[in-house]
Amino acid sequence: MNGRRWDDDRWLVTDLHTALSPGGLSSELLRQQAFSAFDIGRTHGQAILAELVFDSACDPEPAGPIRAVGSARLLAFRTDRLAIDIEVTESGLVGQVYTIDGTDPAAPDEPLLEVVGETPQGVFGHSPLAELGGFELPLPAPGPVRLRAILAEGTMVTSWLVLRYPR
């Protein structure tokens, strides 16, 4: 194992640097794509991961095949304690952050602050959370996206999801 720990990212960064150094694969685009691929799995600090538990685009029959092409896509992400539900519309992402037990997510003991939309290229939108945890974000470019809910005592981030839009 030559001293490498499976959970130490420094070795991966060193290997990436060696592979992408001048004389090897030197395309700047390839270099940016490699670092984006490395970065896509990271949460940048301590964050609770909310996993995708429902996607209306994957509905089994009969609902899946009869959805209209222009209808909204519904997504649900969950942790042990928190949830984020999202509707992808033609104009943006509309959603709500709430607690699984039904308590108000904006309760004084744990106020929610904002939701941030992210792509591998950076932030595509911010939204302060309304009283009941509601938010609206602009429609991101097609590709991988995730949402980050900033709470007073920590952060929850959704797993990555690839959005594609009909032409």
C-alpha atoms as a PDB file:
ATOM      1  CA  MET A   1       0.000   0.000   0.000  1.00  0.00           C
ATOM      2  CA  ASN A   2       3.161   2.190   0.091  1.00  0.00           C
ATOM      3  CA  GLY A   3       1.891   4.564   2.796  1.00  0.00           C
ATOM      4  CA  ARG A   4      -1.204   5.723   0.908  1.00  0.00           C
ATOM      5  CA  ARG A   5      -4.493   5.939   2.762  1.00  0.00           C
ATOM      6  CA  TRP A   6      -7.713   5.397   0.804  1.00  0.00           C
ATOM      7  CA  ASP A   7      -9.294   8.486   2.407  1.00  0.00           C
ATOM      8  CA  ASP A   8      -6.377  10.885   1.765  1.00  0.00           C
ATOM      9  CA  ASP A   9      -7.157  13.023  -1.304  1.00  0.00           C
ATOM     10  CA  ARG A  10      -3.613  14.408  -1.487  1.00  0.00           C
ATOM     11  CA  TRP A  11      -2.452  11.229  -3.269  1.00  0.00           C
ATOM     12  CA  LEU A  12      -5.176  11.582  -5.880  1.00  0.00           C
ATOM     13  CA  VAL A  13      -4.294  15.245  -6.435  1.00  0.00           C
ATOM     14  CA  THR A  14      -0.622  14.309  -6.810  1.00  0.00           C
ATOM     15  CA  ASP A  15      -1.482  11.581  -9.328  1.00  0.00           C
ATOM     16  CA  LEU A  16      -3.739  13.971 -11.253  1.00  0.00           C
ATOM     17  CA  HIS A  17      -1.019  16.617 -11.282  1.00  0.00           C
ATOM     18  CA  THR A  18       1.517  14.116 -12.626  1.00  0.00           C
ATOM     19  CA  ALA A  19      -0.874  12.851 -15.316  1.00  0.00           C
ATOM     20  CA  LEU A  20      -1.826  16.345 -16.446  1.00  0.00           C
ATOM     21  CA  SER A  21       1.582  18.010 -16.210  1.00  0.00           C
ATOM     22  CA  PRO A  22       3.264  19.462 -19.337  1.00  0.00           C
ATOM     23  CA  GLY A  23       4.711  16.745 -21.490  1.00  0.00           C
ATOM     24  CA  GLY A  24       1.773  14.520 -20.682  1.00  0.00           C
ATOM     25  CA  LEU A  25      -1.826  15.380 -21.408  1.00  0.00           C
ATOM     26  CA  SER A  26      -1.487  19.149 -21.534  1.00  0.00           C
ATOM     27  CA  SER A  27      -4.794  20.382 -22.921  1.00  0.00           C
ATOM     28  CA  GLU A  28      -6.185  23.095 -20.626  1.00  0.00           C
ATOM     29  CA  LEU A  29      -9.738  21.895 -21.278  1.00  0.00           C
ATOM     30  CA  LEU A  30      -8.784  18.347 -20.308  1.00  0.00           C
ATOM     31  CA  ARG A  31      -7.106  19.691 -17.166  1.00  0.00           C
ATOM     32  CA  GLN A  32     -10.255  21.639 -16.176  1.00  0.00           C
ATOM     33  CA  GLN A  33     -12.470  18.622 -16.852  1.00  0.00           C
ATOM     34  CA  ALA A  34     -10.250  16.378 -14.735  1.00  0.00           C
ATOM     35  CA  PHE A  35     -10.392  18.757 -11.772  1.00  0.00           C
ATOM     36  CA  SER A  36     -14.172  19.170 -12.186  1.00  0.00           C
ATOM     37  CA  ALA A  37     -14.588  15.383 -12.153  1.00  0.00           C
ATOM     38  CA  PHE A  38     -12.479  15.172  -8.997  1.00  0.00           C
ATOM     39  CA  ASP A  39     -14.366  18.032  -7.358  1.00  0.00           C
ATOM     40  CA  ILE A  40     -17.876  16.821  -8.251  1.00  0.00           C
ATOM     41  CA  GLY A  41     -17.964  14.283  -5.419  1.00  0.00           C
ATOM     42  CA  ARG A  42     -16.743  16.631  -2.718  1.00  0.00           C
ATOM     43  CA  THR A  43     -18.979  18.630  -0.379  1.00  0.00           C
ATOM     44  CA  HIS A  44     -16.341  21.257   0.598  1.00  0.00           C
ATOM     45  CA  GLY A  45     -16.511  20.912   4.346  1.00  0.00           C
ATOM     46  CA  GLN A  46     -18.843  19.130   6.673  1.00  0.00           C
ATOM     47  CA  ALA A  47     -22.236  18.600   5.065  1.00  0.00           C
ATOM     48  CA  ILE A  48     -25.036  16.105   5.469  1.00  0.00           C
ATOM     49  CA  LEU A  49     -25.725  14.316   2.181  1.00  0.00           C
ATOM     50  CA  ALA A  50     -29.369  14.192   1.055  1.00  0.00           C
ATOM     51  CA  GLU A  51     -29.901  11.243  -1.294  1.00  0.00           C
ATOM     52  CA  LEU A  52     -32.355  11.213  -4.205  1.00  0.00           C
ATOM     53  CA  VAL A  53     -35.363   9.081  -3.214  1.00  0.00           C
ATOM     54  CA  PHE A  54     -37.855  10.040  -5.938  1.00  0.00           C
ATOM     55  CA  ASP A  55     -37.628  11.301  -9.522  1.00  0.00           C
ATOM     56  CA  SER A  56     -40.817  11.642 -11.560  1.00  0.00           C
ATOM     57  CA  ALA A  57     -38.784  11.141 -14.755  1.00  0.00           C
ATOM     58  CA  CYS A  58     -38.289   7.531 -13.597  1.00  0.00           C
ATOM     59  CA  ASP A  59     -41.935   6.855 -12.668  1.00  0.00           C
ATOM     60  CA  PRO A  60     -43.140   3.372 -13.475  1.00  0.00           C
ATOM     61  CA  GLU A  61     -46.267   3.001 -15.571  1.00  0.00           C
ATOM     62  CA  PRO A  62     -48.887   4.353 -15.758  1.00  0.00           C
ATOM     63  CA  ALA A  63     -47.742   7.813 -14.649  1.00  0.00           C
ATOM     64  CA  GLY A  64     -44.400   7.840 -16.520  1.00  0.00           C
ATOM     65  CA  PRO A  65     -45.560   7.376 -20.115  1.00  0.00           C
ATOM     66  CA  ILE A  66     -48.543   9.742 -19.850  1.00  0.00           C
ATOM     67  CA  ARG A  67     -46.635  12.751 -18.528  1.00  0.00           C
ATOM     68  CA  ALA A  68     -46.757  15.653 -20.937  1.00  0.00           C
ATOM     69  CA  VAL A  69     -43.427  16.708 -22.462  1.00  0.00           C
ATOM     70  CA  GLY A  70     -43.716  20.179 -20.904  1.00  0.00           C
ATOM     71  CA  SER A  71     -44.821  18.981 -17.467  1.00  0.00           C
ATOM     72  CA  ALA A  72     -42.691  19.664 -14.415  1.00  0.00           C
ATOM     73  CA  ARG A  73     -40.189  17.131 -13.139  1.00  0.00           C
ATOM     74  CA  LEU A  74     -40.525  16.360  -9.423  1.00  0.00           C
ATOM     75  CA  LEU A  75     -37.560  15.339  -7.270  1.00  0.00           C
ATOM     76  CA  ALA A  76     -37.274  14.388  -3.598  1.00  0.00           C
ATOM     77  CA  PHE A  77     -34.063  14.211  -1.545  1.00  0.00           C
ATOM     78  CA  ARG A  78     -33.865  12.942   2.051  1.00  0.00           C
ATOM     79  CA  THR A  79     -31.562  12.654   5.045  1.00  0.00           C
ATOM     80  CA  ASP A  80     -32.500  11.042   8.348  1.00  0.00           C
ATOM     81  CA  ARG A  81     -34.003  14.325   9.527  1.00  0.00           C
ATOM     82  CA  LEU A  82     -34.418  16.748   6.611  1.00  0.00           C
ATOM     83  CA  ALA A  83     -35.970  16.729   3.150  1.00  0.00           C
ATOM     84  CA  ILE A  84     -35.785  18.838  -0.010  1.00  0.00           C
ATOM     85  CA  ASP A  85     -38.546  18.565  -2.599  1.00  0.00           C
ATOM     86  CA  ILE A  86     -37.997  20.224  -5.975  1.00  0.00           C
ATOM     87  CA  GLU A  87     -40.106  20.946  -9.027  1.00  0.00           C
ATOM     88  CA  VAL A  88     -38.147  21.602 -12.227  1.00  0.00           C
ATOM     89  CA  THR A  89     -40.268  23.930 -14.366  1.00  0.00           C
ATOM     90  CA  GLU A  90     -39.611  25.704 -17.647  1.00  0.00           C
ATOM     91  CA  SER A  91     -38.589  28.841 -15.738  1.00  0.00           C
ATOM     92  CA  GLY A  92     -36.605  27.462 -12.780  1.00  0.00           C
ATOM     93  CA  LEU A  93     -36.400  25.265  -9.720  1.00  0.00           C
ATOM     94  CA  VAL A  94     -39.102  25.691  -7.078  1.00  0.00           C
ATOM     95  CA  GLY A  95     -38.831  23.770  -3.853  1.00  0.00           C
ATOM     96  CA  GLN A  96     -39.181  23.385  -0.130  1.00  0.00           C
ATOM     97  CA  VAL A  97     -36.819  22.332   2.655  1.00  0.00           C
ATOM     98  CA  TYR A  98     -38.545  20.759   5.661  1.00  0.00           C
ATOM     99  CA  THR A  99     -38.023  18.353   8.542  1.00  0.00           C
ATOM    100  CA  ILE A 100     -39.132  14.723   8.211  1.00  0.00           C
ATOM    101  CA  ASP A 101     -41.071  14.900  11.496  1.00  0.00           C
ATOM    102  CA  GLY A 102     -43.178  17.789  10.183  1.00  0.00           C
ATOM    103  CA  THR A 103     -41.844  20.519  12.454  1.00  0.00           C
ATOM    104  CA  ASP A 104     -41.350  23.963  10.990  1.00  0.00           C
ATOM    105  CA  PRO A 105     -37.847  24.104   9.456  1.00  0.00           C
ATOM    106  CA  ALA A 106     -37.689  27.817  10.274  1.00  0.00           C
ATOM    107  CA  ALA A 107     -38.214  27.229  13.998  1.00  0.00           C
ATOM    108  CA  PRO A 108     -36.103  29.540  16.209  1.00  0.00           C
ATOM    109  CA  ASP A 109     -33.930  26.669  17.465  1.00  0.00           C
ATOM    110  CA  GLU A 110     -32.803  25.804  13.904  1.00  0.00           C
ATOM    111  CA  PRO A 111     -33.400  28.563  11.374  1.00  0.00           C
ATOM    112  CA  LEU A 112     -32.764  27.815   7.705  1.00  0.00           C
ATOM    113  CA  LEU A 113     -30.889  30.548   5.909  1.00  0.00           C
ATOM    114  CA  GLU A 114     -30.678  29.854   2.162  1.00  0.00           C
ATOM    115  CA  VAL A 115     -30.453  27.344  -0.681  1.00  0.00           C
ATOM    116  CA  VAL A 116     -27.593  27.570  -3.171  1.00  0.00           C
ATOM    117  CA  GLY A 117     -27.706  25.903  -6.598  1.00  0.00           C
ATOM    118  CA  GLU A 118     -24.379  24.516  -7.823  1.00  0.00           C
ATOM    119  CA  THR A 119     -22.921  23.038 -11.002  1.00  0.00           C
ATOM    120  CA  PRO A 120     -19.341  21.742 -11.441  1.00  0.00           C
ATOM    121  CA  GLN A 121     -18.549  25.179 -12.899  1.00  0.00           C
ATOM    122  CA  GLY A 122     -19.841  27.074  -9.848  1.00  0.00           C
ATOM    123  CA  VAL A 123     -22.954  28.602  -8.295  1.00  0.00           C
ATOM    124  CA  PHE A 124     -25.968  29.203 -10.571  1.00  0.00           C
ATOM    125  CA  GLY A 125     -28.271  30.791  -7.992  1.00  0.00           C
ATOM    126  CA  HIS A 126     -29.050  31.700  -4.381  1.00  0.00           C
ATOM    127  CA  SER A 127     -32.430  31.822  -2.681  1.00  0.00           C
ATOM    128  CA  PRO A 128     -33.235  32.889   0.862  1.00  0.00           C
ATOM    129  CA  LEU A 129     -35.644  30.442   2.444  1.00  0.00           C
ATOM    130  CA  ALA A 130     -39.196  31.609   3.038  1.00  0.00           C
ATOM    131  CA  GLU A 131     -41.000  31.073   6.334  1.00  0.00           C
ATOM    132  CA  LEU A 132     -41.977  27.461   5.568  1.00  0.00           C
ATOM    133  CA  GLY A 133     -38.702  26.585   3.834  1.00  0.00           C
ATOM    134  CA  GLY A 134     -39.744  27.527   0.300  1.00  0.00           C
ATOM    135  CA  PHE A 135     -37.240  28.663  -2.317  1.00  0.00           C
ATOM    136  CA  GLU A 136     -36.906  29.508  -6.029  1.00  0.00           C
ATOM    137  CA  LEU A 137     -33.784  29.246  -8.171  1.00  0.00           C
ATOM    138  CA  PRO A 138     -33.167  30.074 -11.831  1.00  0.00           C
ATOM    139  CA  LEU A 139     -33.042  27.213 -14.321  1.00  0.00           C
ATOM    140  CA  PRO A 140     -29.431  25.991 -14.585  1.00  0.00           C
ATOM    141  CA  ALA A 141     -27.734  24.947 -17.807  1.00  0.00           C
ATOM    142  CA  PRO A 142     -28.235  21.264 -18.700  1.00  0.00           C
ATOM    143  CA  GLY A 143     -25.844  18.966 -16.858  1.00  0.00           C
ATOM    144  CA  PRO A 144     -24.967  18.024 -13.274  1.00  0.00           C
ATOM    145  CA  VAL A 145     -26.529  20.109 -10.490  1.00  0.00           C
ATOM    146  CA  ARG A 146     -26.923  19.879  -6.748  1.00  0.00           C
ATOM    147  CA  LEU A 147     -28.497  22.045  -4.067  1.00  0.00           C
ATOM    148  CA  ARG A 148     -26.930  23.138  -0.804  1.00  0.00           C
ATOM    149  CA  ALA A 149     -29.199  24.141   2.118  1.00  0.00           C
ATOM    150  CA  ILE A 150     -27.341  26.374   4.560  1.00  0.00           C
ATOM    151  CA  LEU A 151     -28.613  26.013   8.130  1.00  0.00           C
ATOM    152  CA  ALA A 152     -27.545  27.969  11.190  1.00  0.00           C
ATOM    153  CA  GLU A 153     -25.698  24.944  12.564  1.00  0.00           C
ATOM    154  CA  GLY A 154     -24.557  23.196   9.393  1.00  0.00           C
ATOM    155  CA  THR A 155     -25.127  22.368   5.755  1.00  0.00           C
ATOM    156  CA  MET A 156     -27.128  19.789   3.836  1.00  0.00           C
ATOM    157  CA  VAL A 157     -26.187  19.045   0.217  1.00  0.00           C
ATOM    158  CA  THR A 158     -28.122  16.934  -2.284  1.00  0.00           C
ATOM    159  CA  SER A 159     -26.507  14.215  -4.337  1.00  0.00           C
ATOM    160  CA  TRP A 160     -25.655  15.273  -7.903  1.00  0.00           C
ATOM    161  CA  LEU A 161     -28.396  15.039 -10.488  1.00  0.00           C
ATOM    162  CA  VAL A 162     -28.129  15.460 -14.256  1.00  0.00           C
ATOM    163  CA  LEU A 163     -30.765  17.784 -15.722  1.00  0.00           C
ATOM    164  CA  ARG A 164     -31.650  17.586 -19.413  1.00  0.00           C
ATOM    165  CA  TYR A 165     -34.275  19.707 -21.089  1.00  0.00           C
ATOM    166  CA  PRO A 166     -36.416  18.891 -24.126  1.00  0.00           C
ATOM    167  CA  ARG A 167     -35.527  20.818 -27.245  1.00  0.00           C
END
